[in-house]
Amino acid sequence: MRAVVVEEPGGPEALTLTDLPALEPGPGEVVLDVAATAVNRADLLQRRGFYPPPPGASEVLGLECAGTVAAVGEGVDGWTVGDTACALLAGGGYAEQVAVPAPQLMPVPDGIDLVTAAALPEVAATVWSNVFMVAGLQPEELLLVHGGAGGIGTMAIQLATAYGARVATTAGSPEKLEVCRDLGARIAINYREEDFVEVVREHGGADVILDNMGAKYLARNVDALATEGRLVVIGMQGGTRAELDLAKLLGKRGAVIATSLRSRPVEEKGAICAALVEHVWPLVADGRVRPIVHATLPLDRVQEAHTMLEDSVHVGKVVLTT
């Protein structure tokens, strides 16, 4: 099978398409013939050598995919050869085949083709697990999403809106802000020209903040929280170290939560995937939530796909097809 590997960490040129042995499922696993995968910022970090896969996971990049069941391992029920599925992965998606623990496999939502389905698992799991399961976003609460035009941002805006919350978001251009408004954001903030703290405070503060910046935004995010607000940090694009003013946090009775998805045990990922099928897939099937795909490229143009994300020219997801 063809797969993308990184022999030496570096820029997009470090991505190499090579041949690897075909896969056999282990106990509790399903092998998918991959139709498509999607590019995530975590893949860029792994390519640079900063985000190695968890122990036992594939060294091949790719945290999500969609495809057709090619083989079923011992002890797996509910899946048969020929079924279509999408999957949340710890690695291995940039390939023609991937072995997936069965609990991380999900049916493709009605009305979605396999290529588009590849853009769903990682962003849907990230948003649902953090905004709803961890932060407990409620109807009419205000969610602040940083980077609203990216894959996670476009999903967060739609899901929060579908469940009756108000959404504020940041983006870096008028065009991206317009996309965010079209998806349901009530407050769209150009972070190059406006102070998101001031804007959000005018609306009473954020009950939940979904942050991919980390250290760079920590103090300002705390300033933007409402009383009993919850800040969920899911990325470190703005660095890893910053001071936290505990007096401010105590005064707001606020919470700062840092989470990751990739390294969680299979059982926890399986619970998240089951929640997606129950709570999110029906919204996708009836059109209230949709994966936003900026570009679809063949696997041999993976370097171009990574460059798109690094240059932040994309809106939504970049998908790779096999």
C-alpha atoms as a PDB file:
ATOM      1  CA  MET A   1       0.000   0.000   0.000  1.00  0.00           C
ATOM      2  CA  ARG A   2       1.068   3.611  -0.564  1.00  0.00           C
ATOM      3  CA  ALA A   3       1.564   5.739   2.541  1.00  0.00           C
ATOM      4  CA  VAL A   4       3.074   9.087   3.521  1.00  0.00           C
ATOM      5  CA  VAL A   5       6.052   8.964   5.879  1.00  0.00           C
ATOM      6  CA  VAL A   6       8.505  11.459   7.350  1.00  0.00           C
ATOM      7  CA  GLU A   7      12.062  10.133   7.315  1.00  0.00           C
ATOM      8  CA  GLU A   8      13.586  13.312   8.777  1.00  0.00           C
ATOM      9  CA  PRO A   9      11.576  16.093  10.466  1.00  0.00           C
ATOM     10  CA  GLY A  10      11.260  19.272   8.455  1.00  0.00           C
ATOM     11  CA  GLY A  11       9.049  21.309   6.149  1.00  0.00           C
ATOM     12  CA  PRO A  12       6.462  19.993   3.692  1.00  0.00           C
ATOM     13  CA  GLU A  13       9.293  18.637   1.551  1.00  0.00           C
ATOM     14  CA  ALA A  14       9.935  16.062   4.306  1.00  0.00           C
ATOM     15  CA  LEU A  15       6.716  14.251   3.367  1.00  0.00           C
ATOM     16  CA  THR A  16       7.469  11.212   1.234  1.00  0.00           C
ATOM     17  CA  LEU A  17       5.073   8.836  -0.506  1.00  0.00           C
ATOM     18  CA  THR A  18       6.336   5.271  -0.189  1.00  0.00           C
ATOM     19  CA  ASP A  19       5.187   1.644  -0.300  1.00  0.00           C
ATOM     20  CA  LEU A  20       4.471  -0.204   2.954  1.00  0.00           C
ATOM     21  CA  PRO A  21       3.192  -3.754   3.570  1.00  0.00           C
ATOM     22  CA  ALA A  22      -0.554  -4.325   3.450  1.00  0.00           C
ATOM     23  CA  LEU A  23      -2.200  -4.526   6.864  1.00  0.00           C
ATOM     24  CA  GLU A  24      -3.874  -7.336   8.777  1.00  0.00           C
ATOM     25  CA  PRO A  25      -6.280  -6.535  11.636  1.00  0.00           C
ATOM     26  CA  GLY A  26      -5.275  -7.452  15.162  1.00  0.00           C
ATOM     27  CA  PRO A  27      -7.797  -8.546  17.803  1.00  0.00           C
ATOM     28  CA  GLY A  28     -10.451  -5.876  18.200  1.00  0.00           C
ATOM     29  CA  GLU A  29      -9.359  -4.056  15.045  1.00  0.00           C
ATOM     30  CA  VAL A  30     -10.822  -3.350  11.624  1.00  0.00           C
ATOM     31  CA  VAL A  31      -8.742  -2.639   8.498  1.00  0.00           C
ATOM     32  CA  LEU A  32     -10.151   0.057   6.235  1.00  0.00           C
ATOM     33  CA  ASP A  33      -9.347   0.627   2.592  1.00  0.00           C
ATOM     34  CA  VAL A  34      -8.973   4.394   2.873  1.00  0.00           C
ATOM     35  CA  ALA A  35     -10.903   6.539   0.416  1.00  0.00           C
ATOM     36  CA  ALA A  36      -9.784   9.836   1.942  1.00  0.00           C
ATOM     37  CA  THR A  37      -8.110  11.388   4.950  1.00  0.00           C
ATOM     38  CA  ALA A  38      -7.864  14.994   6.155  1.00  0.00           C
ATOM     39  CA  VAL A  39      -5.011  17.260   7.207  1.00  0.00           C
ATOM     40  CA  ASN A  40      -4.862  18.622  10.754  1.00  0.00           C
ATOM     41  CA  ARG A  41      -2.446  21.032  12.417  1.00  0.00           C
ATOM     42  CA  ALA A  42      -1.291  18.169  14.615  1.00  0.00           C
ATOM     43  CA  ASP A  43       0.039  16.552  11.427  1.00  0.00           C
ATOM     44  CA  LEU A  44       2.177  19.637  10.787  1.00  0.00           C
ATOM     45  CA  LEU A  45       3.616  19.366  14.289  1.00  0.00           C
ATOM     46  CA  GLN A  46       4.358  15.668  13.828  1.00  0.00           C
ATOM     47  CA  ARG A  47       6.065  16.370  10.504  1.00  0.00           C
ATOM     48  CA  ARG A  48       8.357  18.858  12.276  1.00  0.00           C
ATOM     49  CA  GLY A  49       9.191  16.323  14.979  1.00  0.00           C
ATOM     50  CA  PHE A  50       7.231  17.972  17.801  1.00  0.00           C
ATOM     51  CA  TYR A  51       4.243  15.634  18.173  1.00  0.00           C
ATOM     52  CA  PRO A  52       5.185  11.946  18.052  1.00  0.00           C
ATOM     53  CA  PRO A  53       2.410   9.340  17.899  1.00  0.00           C
ATOM     54  CA  PRO A  54       1.412   7.565  21.117  1.00  0.00           C
ATOM     55  CA  PRO A  55       3.172   4.263  21.895  1.00  0.00           C
ATOM     56  CA  GLY A  56       1.976   1.535  19.551  1.00  0.00           C
ATOM     57  CA  ALA A  57       0.367   3.915  17.050  1.00  0.00           C
ATOM     58  CA  SER A  58       1.351   4.086  13.388  1.00  0.00           C
ATOM     59  CA  GLU A  59       4.208   6.411  12.428  1.00  0.00           C
ATOM     60  CA  VAL A  60       2.242   7.296   9.293  1.00  0.00           C
ATOM     61  CA  LEU A  61       0.541  10.686   9.641  1.00  0.00           C
ATOM     62  CA  GLY A  62      -3.236  11.116   9.684  1.00  0.00           C
ATOM     63  CA  LEU A  63      -5.739  11.375  12.532  1.00  0.00           C
ATOM     64  CA  GLU A  64      -8.972  10.631  10.644  1.00  0.00           C
ATOM     65  CA  CYS A  65     -10.214   8.903   7.527  1.00  0.00           C
ATOM     66  CA  ALA A  66     -13.144   7.353   5.737  1.00  0.00           C
ATOM     67  CA  GLY A  67     -13.270   4.223   3.647  1.00  0.00           C
ATOM     68  CA  THR A  68     -14.505   0.664   3.209  1.00  0.00           C
ATOM     69  CA  VAL A  69     -14.004  -2.245   5.598  1.00  0.00           C
ATOM     70  CA  ALA A  70     -11.434  -4.622   4.092  1.00  0.00           C
ATOM     71  CA  ALA A  71     -10.933  -7.039   7.003  1.00  0.00           C
ATOM     72  CA  VAL A  72     -12.324  -7.596  10.502  1.00  0.00           C
ATOM     73  CA  GLY A  73     -10.237  -8.814  13.412  1.00  0.00           C
ATOM     74  CA  GLU A  74     -11.051 -11.333  16.117  1.00  0.00           C
ATOM     75  CA  GLY A  75     -13.647 -10.196  18.626  1.00  0.00           C
ATOM     76  CA  VAL A  76     -15.165  -7.433  16.490  1.00  0.00           C
ATOM     77  CA  ASP A  77     -18.938  -7.331  16.186  1.00  0.00           C
ATOM     78  CA  GLY A  78     -21.117  -5.030  14.126  1.00  0.00           C
ATOM     79  CA  TRP A  79     -18.791  -4.565  11.128  1.00  0.00           C
ATOM     80  CA  THR A  80     -18.446  -6.687   8.014  1.00  0.00           C
ATOM     81  CA  VAL A  81     -16.302  -6.515   4.894  1.00  0.00           C
ATOM     82  CA  GLY A  82     -17.737  -3.960   2.464  1.00  0.00           C
ATOM     83  CA  ASP A  83     -19.254  -1.643   5.082  1.00  0.00           C
ATOM     84  CA  THR A  84     -18.429   2.046   4.722  1.00  0.00           C
ATOM     85  CA  ALA A  85     -17.153   3.876   7.771  1.00  0.00           C
ATOM     86  CA  CYS A  86     -15.229   6.867   9.037  1.00  0.00           C
ATOM     87  CA  ALA A  87     -12.729   6.678  11.868  1.00  0.00           C
ATOM     88  CA  LEU A  88     -10.901   8.631  14.536  1.00  0.00           C
ATOM     89  CA  LEU A  89      -7.233   7.596  14.492  1.00  0.00           C
ATOM     90  CA  ALA A  90      -4.095   7.887  16.598  1.00  0.00           C
ATOM     91  CA  GLY A  91      -2.176   7.799  13.311  1.00  0.00           C
ATOM     92  CA  GLY A  92      -2.026   6.053   9.951  1.00  0.00           C
ATOM     93  CA  GLY A  93      -4.613   7.943   7.897  1.00  0.00           C
ATOM     94  CA  TYR A  94      -2.261   9.112   5.115  1.00  0.00           C
ATOM     95  CA  ALA A  95      -2.268   5.658   3.538  1.00  0.00           C
ATOM     96  CA  GLU A  96      -4.305   3.338   1.352  1.00  0.00           C
ATOM     97  CA  GLN A  97      -5.065   1.154   4.387  1.00  0.00           C
ATOM     98  CA  VAL A  98      -5.305   1.743   8.113  1.00  0.00           C
ATOM     99  CA  ALA A  99      -5.953  -0.512  11.114  1.00  0.00           C
ATOM    100  CA  VAL A 100      -8.516   0.985  13.500  1.00  0.00           C
ATOM    101  CA  PRO A 101      -9.650  -0.131  16.972  1.00  0.00           C
ATOM    102  CA  ALA A 102     -13.301  -1.007  16.426  1.00  0.00           C
ATOM    103  CA  PRO A 103     -14.670   1.466  19.035  1.00  0.00           C
ATOM    104  CA  GLN A 104     -13.161   4.342  17.004  1.00  0.00           C
ATOM    105  CA  LEU A 105     -15.063   3.349  13.879  1.00  0.00           C
ATOM    106  CA  MET A 106     -18.318   5.130  13.017  1.00  0.00           C
ATOM    107  CA  PRO A 107     -20.895   4.804  10.248  1.00  0.00           C
ATOM    108  CA  VAL A 108     -20.858   7.490   7.592  1.00  0.00           C
ATOM    109  CA  PRO A 109     -23.720   9.936   8.266  1.00  0.00           C
ATOM    110  CA  ASP A 110     -26.619   9.735   5.815  1.00  0.00           C
ATOM    111  CA  GLY A 111     -26.218  12.023   2.824  1.00  0.00           C
ATOM    112  CA  ILE A 112     -22.430  12.373   3.120  1.00  0.00           C
ATOM    113  CA  ASP A 113     -20.036  10.809   0.602  1.00  0.00           C
ATOM    114  CA  LEU A 114     -16.874   9.022   1.707  1.00  0.00           C
ATOM    115  CA  VAL A 115     -14.497  11.825   0.742  1.00  0.00           C
ATOM    116  CA  THR A 116     -16.438  14.460   2.666  1.00  0.00           C
ATOM    117  CA  ALA A 117     -16.847  12.070   5.614  1.00  0.00           C
ATOM    118  CA  ALA A 118     -13.065  12.014   6.019  1.00  0.00           C
ATOM    119  CA  ALA A 119     -13.253  15.649   7.183  1.00  0.00           C
ATOM    120  CA  LEU A 120     -15.593  14.838  10.091  1.00  0.00           C
ATOM    121  CA  PRO A 121     -14.111  12.594  12.812  1.00  0.00           C
ATOM    122  CA  GLU A 122     -11.270  14.697  14.244  1.00  0.00           C
ATOM    123  CA  VAL A 123     -13.044  18.059  14.277  1.00  0.00           C
ATOM    124  CA  ALA A 124     -16.359  16.653  15.461  1.00  0.00           C
ATOM    125  CA  ALA A 125     -14.670  14.642  18.230  1.00  0.00           C
ATOM    126  CA  THR A 126     -12.562  17.620  19.309  1.00  0.00           C
ATOM    127  CA  VAL A 127     -15.503  20.005  19.478  1.00  0.00           C
ATOM    128  CA  TRP A 128     -18.013  17.640  21.044  1.00  0.00           C
ATOM    129  CA  SER A 129     -15.644  16.274  23.677  1.00  0.00           C
ATOM    130  CA  ASN A 130     -14.300  19.675  24.718  1.00  0.00           C
ATOM    131  CA  VAL A 131     -17.150  22.136  24.262  1.00  0.00           C
ATOM    132  CA  PHE A 132     -19.997  19.866  25.343  1.00  0.00           C
ATOM    133  CA  MET A 133     -18.627  16.927  27.357  1.00  0.00           C
ATOM    134  CA  VAL A 134     -15.888  18.844  29.228  1.00  0.00           C
ATOM    135  CA  ALA A 135     -17.048  22.471  29.286  1.00  0.00           C
ATOM    136  CA  GLY A 136     -20.781  21.683  29.367  1.00  0.00           C
ATOM    137  CA  LEU A 137     -21.910  24.457  27.008  1.00  0.00           C
ATOM    138  CA  GLN A 138     -25.591  25.271  27.584  1.00  0.00           C
ATOM    139  CA  PRO A 139     -28.236  26.943  25.392  1.00  0.00           C
ATOM    140  CA  GLU A 140     -27.942  30.757  25.352  1.00  0.00           C
ATOM    141  CA  GLU A 141     -24.425  30.646  26.798  1.00  0.00           C
ATOM    142  CA  LEU A 142     -21.714  32.462  24.826  1.00  0.00           C
ATOM    143  CA  LEU A 143     -18.981  30.366  23.216  1.00  0.00           C
ATOM    144  CA  LEU A 144     -15.828  32.117  22.007  1.00  0.00           C
ATOM    145  CA  VAL A 145     -14.008  30.155  19.304  1.00  0.00           C
ATOM    146  CA  HIS A 146     -10.555  31.238  18.205  1.00  0.00           C
ATOM    147  CA  GLY A 147      -9.766  30.588  14.556  1.00  0.00           C
ATOM    148  CA  GLY A 148     -13.385  30.273  13.515  1.00  0.00           C
ATOM    149  CA  ALA A 149     -12.635  29.684   9.823  1.00  0.00           C
ATOM    150  CA  GLY A 150     -10.498  26.577  10.395  1.00  0.00           C
ATOM    151  CA  GLY A 151     -11.694  23.007  10.549  1.00  0.00           C
ATOM    152  CA  ILE A 152     -12.350  22.991  14.284  1.00  0.00           C
ATOM    153  CA  GLY A 153     -13.734  26.515  14.241  1.00  0.00           C
ATOM    154  CA  THR A 154     -16.263  25.898  11.471  1.00  0.00           C
ATOM    155  CA  MET A 155     -17.492  22.781  13.272  1.00  0.00           C
ATOM    156  CA  ALA A 156     -17.662  24.514  16.673  1.00  0.00           C
ATOM    157  CA  ILE A 157     -19.714  27.394  15.303  1.00  0.00           C
ATOM    158  CA  GLN A 158     -22.236  25.045  13.712  1.00  0.00           C
ATOM    159  CA  LEU A 159     -22.589  22.649  16.635  1.00  0.00           C
ATOM    160  CA  ALA A 160     -22.921  25.385  19.245  1.00  0.00           C
ATOM    161  CA  THR A 161     -25.502  27.180  17.124  1.00  0.00           C
ATOM    162  CA  ALA A 162     -27.442  23.960  16.532  1.00  0.00           C
ATOM    163  CA  TYR A 163     -27.655  23.413  20.298  1.00  0.00           C
ATOM    164  CA  GLY A 164     -28.905  26.940  20.980  1.00  0.00           C
ATOM    165  CA  ALA A 165     -25.739  28.677  22.175  1.00  0.00           C
ATOM    166  CA  ARG A 166     -24.507  32.073  21.035  1.00  0.00           C
ATOM    167  CA  VAL A 167     -21.155  32.122  19.249  1.00  0.00           C
ATOM    168  CA  ALA A 168     -18.384  34.699  19.052  1.00  0.00           C
ATOM    169  CA  THR A 169     -15.354  33.945  16.912  1.00  0.00           C
ATOM    170  CA  THR A 170     -12.065  35.404  15.770  1.00  0.00           C
ATOM    171  CA  ALA A 171     -10.575  35.297  12.283  1.00  0.00           C
ATOM    172  CA  GLY A 172      -7.997  37.268  10.336  1.00  0.00           C
ATOM    173  CA  SER A 173      -9.804  38.557   7.241  1.00  0.00           C
ATOM    174  CA  PRO A 174     -13.208  39.977   6.242  1.00  0.00           C
ATOM    175  CA  GLU A 175     -13.757  36.981   3.963  1.00  0.00           C
ATOM    176  CA  LYS A 176     -13.175  34.477   6.750  1.00  0.00           C
ATOM    177  CA  LEU A 177     -15.366  36.472   9.127  1.00  0.00           C
ATOM    178  CA  GLU A 178     -18.177  36.367   6.581  1.00  0.00           C
ATOM    179  CA  VAL A 179     -17.905  32.577   6.414  1.00  0.00           C
ATOM    180  CA  CYS A 180     -18.171  32.452  10.210  1.00  0.00           C
ATOM    181  CA  ARG A 181     -21.307  34.609  10.153  1.00  0.00           C
ATOM    182  CA  ASP A 182     -22.851  32.429   7.455  1.00  0.00           C
ATOM    183  CA  LEU A 183     -22.275  29.381   9.676  1.00  0.00           C
ATOM    184  CA  GLY A 184     -24.062  30.995  12.622  1.00  0.00           C
ATOM    185  CA  ALA A 185     -21.581  33.192  14.517  1.00  0.00           C
ATOM    186  CA  ARG A 186     -23.372  36.213  15.993  1.00  0.00           C
ATOM    187  CA  ILE A 187     -20.146  38.049  16.851  1.00  0.00           C
ATOM    188  CA  ALA A 188     -17.267  38.017  14.350  1.00  0.00           C
ATOM    189  CA  ILE A 189     -14.013  39.654  15.459  1.00  0.00           C
ATOM    190  CA  ASN A 190     -11.061  40.523  13.219  1.00  0.00           C
ATOM    191  CA  TYR A 191      -8.170  39.776  15.577  1.00  0.00           C
ATOM    192  CA  ARG A 192      -5.822  41.904  13.423  1.00  0.00           C
ATOM    193  CA  GLU A 193      -7.906  45.031  14.013  1.00  0.00           C
ATOM    194  CA  GLU A 194      -9.981  44.470  17.172  1.00  0.00           C
ATOM    195  CA  ASP A 195      -9.370  43.395  20.768  1.00  0.00           C
ATOM    196  CA  PHE A 196     -11.446  40.258  21.267  1.00  0.00           C
ATOM    197  CA  VAL A 197     -11.452  40.819  25.039  1.00  0.00           C
ATOM    198  CA  GLU A 198     -13.190  44.186  24.709  1.00  0.00           C
ATOM    199  CA  VAL A 199     -15.705  42.895  22.181  1.00  0.00           C
ATOM    200  CA  VAL A 200     -16.610  39.805  24.199  1.00  0.00           C
ATOM    201  CA  ARG A 201     -16.883  41.804  27.421  1.00  0.00           C
ATOM    202  CA  GLU A 202     -19.453  44.055  25.729  1.00  0.00           C
ATOM    203  CA  HIS A 203     -21.599  40.922  25.444  1.00  0.00           C
ATOM    204  CA  GLY A 204     -21.162  39.854  29.067  1.00  0.00           C
ATOM    205  CA  GLY A 205     -18.071  37.697  28.708  1.00  0.00           C
ATOM    206  CA  ALA A 206     -17.613  34.194  27.351  1.00  0.00           C
ATOM    207  CA  ASP A 207     -19.115  31.262  29.236  1.00  0.00           C
ATOM    208  CA  VAL A 208     -16.876  28.866  27.293  1.00  0.00           C
ATOM    209  CA  ILE A 209     -13.720  29.585  25.295  1.00  0.00           C
ATOM    210  CA  LEU A 210     -12.256  27.025  22.885  1.00  0.00           C
ATOM    211  CA  ASP A 211      -8.628  28.033  22.415  1.00  0.00           C
ATOM    212  CA  ASN A 212      -5.969  26.688  20.068  1.00  0.00           C
ATOM    213  CA  MET A 213      -3.346  29.352  20.828  1.00  0.00           C
ATOM    214  CA  GLY A 214      -2.209  28.397  24.312  1.00  0.00           C
ATOM    215  CA  ALA A 215       0.296  30.648  26.085  1.00  0.00           C
ATOM    216  CA  LYS A 216      -0.067  33.701  23.843  1.00  0.00           C
ATOM    217  CA  TYR A 217      -3.779  34.074  24.639  1.00  0.00           C
ATOM    218  CA  LEU A 218      -3.918  32.702  28.197  1.00  0.00           C
ATOM    219  CA  ALA A 219      -4.113  35.998  30.113  1.00  0.00           C
ATOM    220  CA  ARG A 220      -6.473  37.624  27.616  1.00  0.00           C
ATOM    221  CA  ASN A 221      -8.719  34.563  27.561  1.00  0.00           C
ATOM    222  CA  VAL A 222      -9.069  34.745  31.351  1.00  0.00           C
ATOM    223  CA  ASP A 223      -9.927  38.444  30.982  1.00  0.00           C
ATOM    224  CA  ALA A 224     -12.630  37.518  28.457  1.00  0.00           C
ATOM    225  CA  LEU A 225     -14.290  34.882  30.656  1.00  0.00           C
ATOM    226  CA  ALA A 226     -17.671  35.511  32.236  1.00  0.00           C
ATOM    227  CA  THR A 227     -18.335  34.567  35.841  1.00  0.00           C
ATOM    228  CA  GLU A 228     -18.067  30.781  36.128  1.00  0.00           C
ATOM    229  CA  GLY A 229     -16.597  30.680  32.624  1.00  0.00           C
ATOM    230  CA  ARG A 230     -14.639  27.692  31.347  1.00  0.00           C
ATOM    231  CA  LEU A 231     -11.496  28.060  29.207  1.00  0.00           C
ATOM    232  CA  VAL A 232     -10.576  24.890  27.308  1.00  0.00           C
ATOM    233  CA  VAL A 233      -7.098  24.903  25.774  1.00  0.00           C
ATOM    234  CA  ILE A 234      -6.637  22.399  22.944  1.00  0.00           C
ATOM    235  CA  GLY A 235      -3.558  23.759  21.149  1.00  0.00           C
ATOM    236  CA  MET A 236      -0.259  25.535  21.571  1.00  0.00           C
ATOM    237  CA  GLN A 237       0.146  27.532  18.361  1.00  0.00           C
ATOM    238  CA  GLY A 238       1.035  30.534  20.523  1.00  0.00           C
ATOM    239  CA  GLY A 239       3.525  28.788  22.796  1.00  0.00           C
ATOM    240  CA  THR A 240       3.543  26.606  25.895  1.00  0.00           C
ATOM    241  CA  ARG A 241       4.487  28.849  28.841  1.00  0.00           C
ATOM    242  CA  ALA A 242       2.609  31.814  30.301  1.00  0.00           C
ATOM    243  CA  GLU A 243       1.710  33.288  33.682  1.00  0.00           C
ATOM    244  CA  LEU A 244      -1.775  32.693  35.040  1.00  0.00           C
ATOM    245  CA  ASP A 245      -3.335  35.363  37.265  1.00  0.00           C
ATOM    246  CA  LEU A 246      -5.026  33.170  39.849  1.00  0.00           C
ATOM    247  CA  ALA A 247      -6.648  36.166  41.541  1.00  0.00           C
ATOM    248  CA  LYS A 248      -8.559  36.969  38.352  1.00  0.00           C
ATOM    249  CA  LEU A 249      -9.531  33.337  37.887  1.00  0.00           C
ATOM    250  CA  LEU A 250     -10.691  33.040  41.499  1.00  0.00           C
ATOM    251  CA  GLY A 251     -12.631  36.275  41.209  1.00  0.00           C
ATOM    252  CA  LYS A 252     -14.540  34.843  38.273  1.00  0.00           C
ATOM    253  CA  ARG A 253     -14.851  31.370  39.804  1.00  0.00           C
ATOM    254  CA  GLY A 254     -13.472  30.271  36.461  1.00  0.00           C
ATOM    255  CA  ALA A 255     -11.785  27.141  35.205  1.00  0.00           C
ATOM    256  CA  VAL A 256      -8.846  26.539  32.872  1.00  0.00           C
ATOM    257  CA  ILE A 257      -8.806  23.062  31.351  1.00  0.00           C
ATOM    258  CA  ALA A 258      -6.137  21.656  29.021  1.00  0.00           C
ATOM    259  CA  THR A 259      -7.039  18.558  27.034  1.00  0.00           C
ATOM    260  CA  SER A 260      -5.738  16.337  24.251  1.00  0.00           C
ATOM    261  CA  LEU A 261      -7.519  13.700  22.200  1.00  0.00           C
ATOM    262  CA  ARG A 262      -4.862  11.640  20.448  1.00  0.00           C
ATOM    263  CA  SER A 263      -3.301  10.023  23.517  1.00  0.00           C
ATOM    264  CA  ARG A 264      -6.544   8.996  25.223  1.00  0.00           C
ATOM    265  CA  PRO A 265      -7.240   5.274  25.732  1.00  0.00           C
ATOM    266  CA  VAL A 266      -9.331   3.454  23.148  1.00  0.00           C
ATOM    267  CA  GLU A 267     -12.231   3.185  25.613  1.00  0.00           C
ATOM    268  CA  GLU A 268     -12.408   6.974  26.027  1.00  0.00           C
ATOM    269  CA  LYS A 269     -12.154   7.580  22.301  1.00  0.00           C
ATOM    270  CA  GLY A 270     -14.850   4.983  21.772  1.00  0.00           C
ATOM    271  CA  ALA A 271     -17.157   6.805  24.184  1.00  0.00           C
ATOM    272  CA  ILE A 272     -16.587  10.049  22.278  1.00  0.00           C
ATOM    273  CA  CYS A 273     -17.267   8.340  18.945  1.00  0.00           C
ATOM    274  CA  ALA A 274     -20.493   6.845  20.320  1.00  0.00           C
ATOM    275  CA  ALA A 275     -21.545  10.317  21.472  1.00  0.00           C
ATOM    276  CA  LEU A 276     -20.885  11.703  17.983  1.00  0.00           C
ATOM    277  CA  VAL A 277     -23.091   9.076  16.390  1.00  0.00           C
ATOM    278  CA  GLU A 278     -25.866   9.859  18.885  1.00  0.00           C
ATOM    279  CA  HIS A 279     -25.681  13.651  19.055  1.00  0.00           C
ATOM    280  CA  VAL A 280     -23.840  14.973  15.989  1.00  0.00           C
ATOM    281  CA  TRP A 281     -24.481  12.557  13.120  1.00  0.00           C
ATOM    282  CA  PRO A 282     -28.253  13.306  13.047  1.00  0.00           C
ATOM    283  CA  LEU A 283     -27.428  17.016  12.631  1.00  0.00           C
ATOM    284  CA  VAL A 284     -25.121  16.178   9.728  1.00  0.00           C
ATOM    285  CA  ALA A 285     -27.733  13.917   8.150  1.00  0.00           C
ATOM    286  CA  ASP A 286     -30.406  16.621   8.186  1.00  0.00           C
ATOM    287  CA  GLY A 287     -28.029  19.325   6.944  1.00  0.00           C
ATOM    288  CA  ARG A 288     -27.875  21.529  10.037  1.00  0.00           C
ATOM    289  CA  VAL A 289     -24.170  20.743  10.438  1.00  0.00           C
ATOM    290  CA  ARG A 290     -21.829  20.093   7.531  1.00  0.00           C
ATOM    291  CA  PRO A 291     -18.110  19.546   7.152  1.00  0.00           C
ATOM    292  CA  ILE A 292     -16.541  22.497   5.340  1.00  0.00           C
ATOM    293  CA  VAL A 293     -13.976  21.302   2.782  1.00  0.00           C
ATOM    294  CA  HIS A 294     -11.623  23.920   1.335  1.00  0.00           C
ATOM    295  CA  ALA A 295      -9.785  21.650  -1.090  1.00  0.00           C
ATOM    296  CA  THR A 296      -9.540  17.999  -2.099  1.00  0.00           C
ATOM    297  CA  LEU A 297      -6.145  16.808  -3.336  1.00  0.00           C
ATOM    298  CA  PRO A 298      -4.692  13.409  -4.238  1.00  0.00           C
ATOM    299  CA  LEU A 299      -2.328  11.835  -1.731  1.00  0.00           C
ATOM    300  CA  ASP A 300       0.714  12.555  -3.900  1.00  0.00           C
ATOM    301  CA  ARG A 301       0.063  16.300  -3.422  1.00  0.00           C
ATOM    302  CA  VAL A 302       0.357  16.048   0.356  1.00  0.00           C
ATOM    303  CA  GLN A 303       3.153  18.638   0.437  1.00  0.00           C
ATOM    304  CA  GLU A 304       0.809  21.174  -1.160  1.00  0.00           C
ATOM    305  CA  ALA A 305      -1.903  20.324   1.366  1.00  0.00           C
ATOM    306  CA  HIS A 306       0.446  20.974   4.306  1.00  0.00           C
ATOM    307  CA  THR A 307       1.516  24.275   2.767  1.00  0.00           C
ATOM    308  CA  MET A 308      -2.123  25.377   2.583  1.00  0.00           C
ATOM    309  CA  LEU A 309      -2.524  24.880   6.324  1.00  0.00           C
ATOM    310  CA  GLU A 310       0.775  26.511   7.182  1.00  0.00           C
ATOM    311  CA  ASP A 311      -0.114  29.572   5.104  1.00  0.00           C
ATOM    312  CA  SER A 312      -3.637  29.688   6.630  1.00  0.00           C
ATOM    313  CA  VAL A 313      -5.248  30.166   3.229  1.00  0.00           C
ATOM    314  CA  HIS A 314      -7.865  27.503   3.927  1.00  0.00           C
ATOM    315  CA  VAL A 315     -11.428  27.729   5.198  1.00  0.00           C
ATOM    316  CA  GLY A 316     -12.475  24.464   6.839  1.00  0.00           C
ATOM    317  CA  LYS A 317     -10.603  21.257   6.015  1.00  0.00           C
ATOM    318  CA  VAL A 318      -8.119  20.097   3.378  1.00  0.00           C
ATOM    319  CA  VAL A 319      -8.817  16.505   2.300  1.00  0.00           C
ATOM    320  CA  LEU A 320      -6.459  13.991   0.697  1.00  0.00           C
ATOM    321  CA  THR A 321      -7.838  11.185  -1.482  1.00  0.00           C
ATOM    322  CA  THR A 322      -6.190   7.872  -2.243  1.00  0.00           C
END
